[in-house]
């Protein structure tokens, strides 16, 4: 049984223990501090994930440019949220 399998009764037991140890006046402060810490942790991990994704994307773009330099066909630039234009599609089918 792992730590992630705590049921409602376990959560209630932990809250009662915290209430007895710290008292009702300190619990809001502890909760606020815990919430701020959790928010900072999430922001830091999201920043790290964004940085890794950016480096991965730049690596793929560089690899695609290197492969594209060896081919003789027309270069078509792709954007993430758009389809290639009709002219680019027809030009691509003509050169095949």
Protein backbone atom coordinates (compact mmCIF):
# COMPACT_ATOMS: atom_id res chain seq x y z
CA UNK A 1 0.00 0.00 0.00
CA UNK A 2 1.61 3.22 -1.16
CA UNK A 3 1.38 6.70 0.22
CA UNK A 4 -0.86 7.76 -2.68
CA UNK A 5 -3.65 5.41 -1.55
CA UNK A 6 -4.77 7.41 1.47
CA UNK A 7 -8.54 7.39 1.71
CA UNK A 8 -10.90 9.96 3.20
CA UNK A 9 -10.51 8.48 6.65
CA UNK A 10 -6.72 8.89 6.43
CA UNK A 11 -7.05 12.50 5.30
CA UNK A 12 -9.46 13.21 8.14
CA UNK A 13 -7.07 11.61 10.63
CA UNK A 14 -4.19 13.78 9.38
CA UNK A 15 -6.31 16.95 9.61
CA UNK A 16 -7.34 16.12 13.18
CA UNK A 17 -3.70 15.49 14.11
CA UNK A 18 -2.69 18.84 12.57
CA UNK A 19 -5.48 20.58 14.44
CA UNK A 20 -4.32 19.08 17.74
CA UNK A 21 -0.62 19.87 17.13
CA UNK A 22 -0.86 23.40 15.72
CA UNK A 23 -4.22 24.61 16.98
CA UNK A 24 -7.01 26.33 15.05
CA UNK A 25 -5.25 29.71 14.84
CA UNK A 26 -2.15 28.41 13.02
CA UNK A 27 -3.86 26.14 10.47
CA UNK A 28 -4.84 28.94 8.02
CA UNK A 29 -1.26 30.24 8.03
CA UNK A 30 0.13 26.75 7.44
CA UNK A 31 -2.37 26.15 4.63
CA UNK A 32 -1.50 29.46 2.98
CA UNK A 33 2.25 28.73 3.18
CA UNK A 34 1.70 25.24 1.77
CA UNK A 35 -0.39 26.65 -1.08
CA UNK A 36 2.27 29.24 -1.99
CA UNK A 37 4.98 26.59 -1.94
CA UNK A 38 2.93 24.30 -4.14
CA UNK A 39 2.25 27.13 -6.60
CA UNK A 40 5.96 28.02 -6.82
CA UNK A 41 6.84 24.36 -7.36
CA UNK A 42 4.29 24.03 -10.18
CA UNK A 43 5.55 27.22 -11.85
CA UNK A 44 9.16 26.02 -11.63
CA UNK A 45 8.36 22.61 -13.08
CA UNK A 46 6.23 24.13 -15.84
CA UNK A 47 9.11 26.47 -16.74
CA UNK A 48 11.48 23.50 -16.94
CA UNK A 49 9.03 21.54 -19.11
CA UNK A 50 8.56 24.54 -21.42
CA UNK A 51 12.33 24.92 -21.77
CA UNK A 52 12.79 21.23 -22.62
CA UNK A 53 9.97 21.36 -25.19
CA UNK A 54 11.49 24.49 -26.76
CA UNK A 55 14.91 22.83 -27.06
CA UNK A 56 13.33 19.68 -28.52
CA UNK A 57 11.37 21.75 -31.07
CA UNK A 58 14.48 23.72 -32.06
CA UNK A 59 16.40 20.46 -32.47
CA UNK A 60 13.69 19.04 -34.72
CA UNK A 61 13.62 22.22 -36.81
CA UNK A 62 17.41 22.13 -37.21
CA UNK A 63 17.29 18.44 -38.18
CA UNK A 64 14.53 19.11 -40.70
CA UNK A 65 16.48 22.01 -42.19
CA UNK A 66 19.55 19.80 -42.56
CA UNK A 67 17.49 17.13 -44.31
CA UNK A 68 15.75 19.78 -46.43
CA UNK A 69 19.10 21.15 -47.60
CA UNK A 70 19.93 17.77 -49.18
CA UNK A 71 16.69 17.54 -51.21
CA UNK A 72 16.04 19.32 -54.49
CA UNK A 73 12.31 19.96 -54.02
CA UNK A 74 10.75 23.30 -53.10
CA UNK A 75 10.91 24.31 -49.45
CA UNK A 76 7.49 24.56 -47.82
CA UNK A 77 7.34 26.20 -44.42
CA UNK A 78 4.77 24.67 -42.08
CA UNK A 79 3.15 26.52 -39.26
CA UNK A 80 1.76 24.70 -36.26
CA UNK A 81 -1.88 25.77 -36.61
CA UNK A 82 -2.28 26.20 -40.35
CA UNK A 83 -2.57 24.10 -43.47
CA UNK A 84 -0.31 24.70 -46.48
CA UNK A 85 -1.73 27.07 -49.04
CA UNK A 86 -3.41 25.75 -52.18
CA UNK A 87 -0.54 27.09 -54.29
CA UNK A 88 2.01 25.25 -52.17
CA UNK A 89 -0.02 22.03 -52.38
CA UNK A 90 -0.35 22.24 -56.16
CA UNK A 91 3.35 23.06 -56.51
CA UNK A 92 4.21 20.08 -54.36
CA UNK A 93 2.09 17.70 -56.48
CA UNK A 94 3.60 19.05 -59.73
CA UNK A 95 7.17 18.33 -58.58
CA UNK A 96 6.44 14.74 -57.54
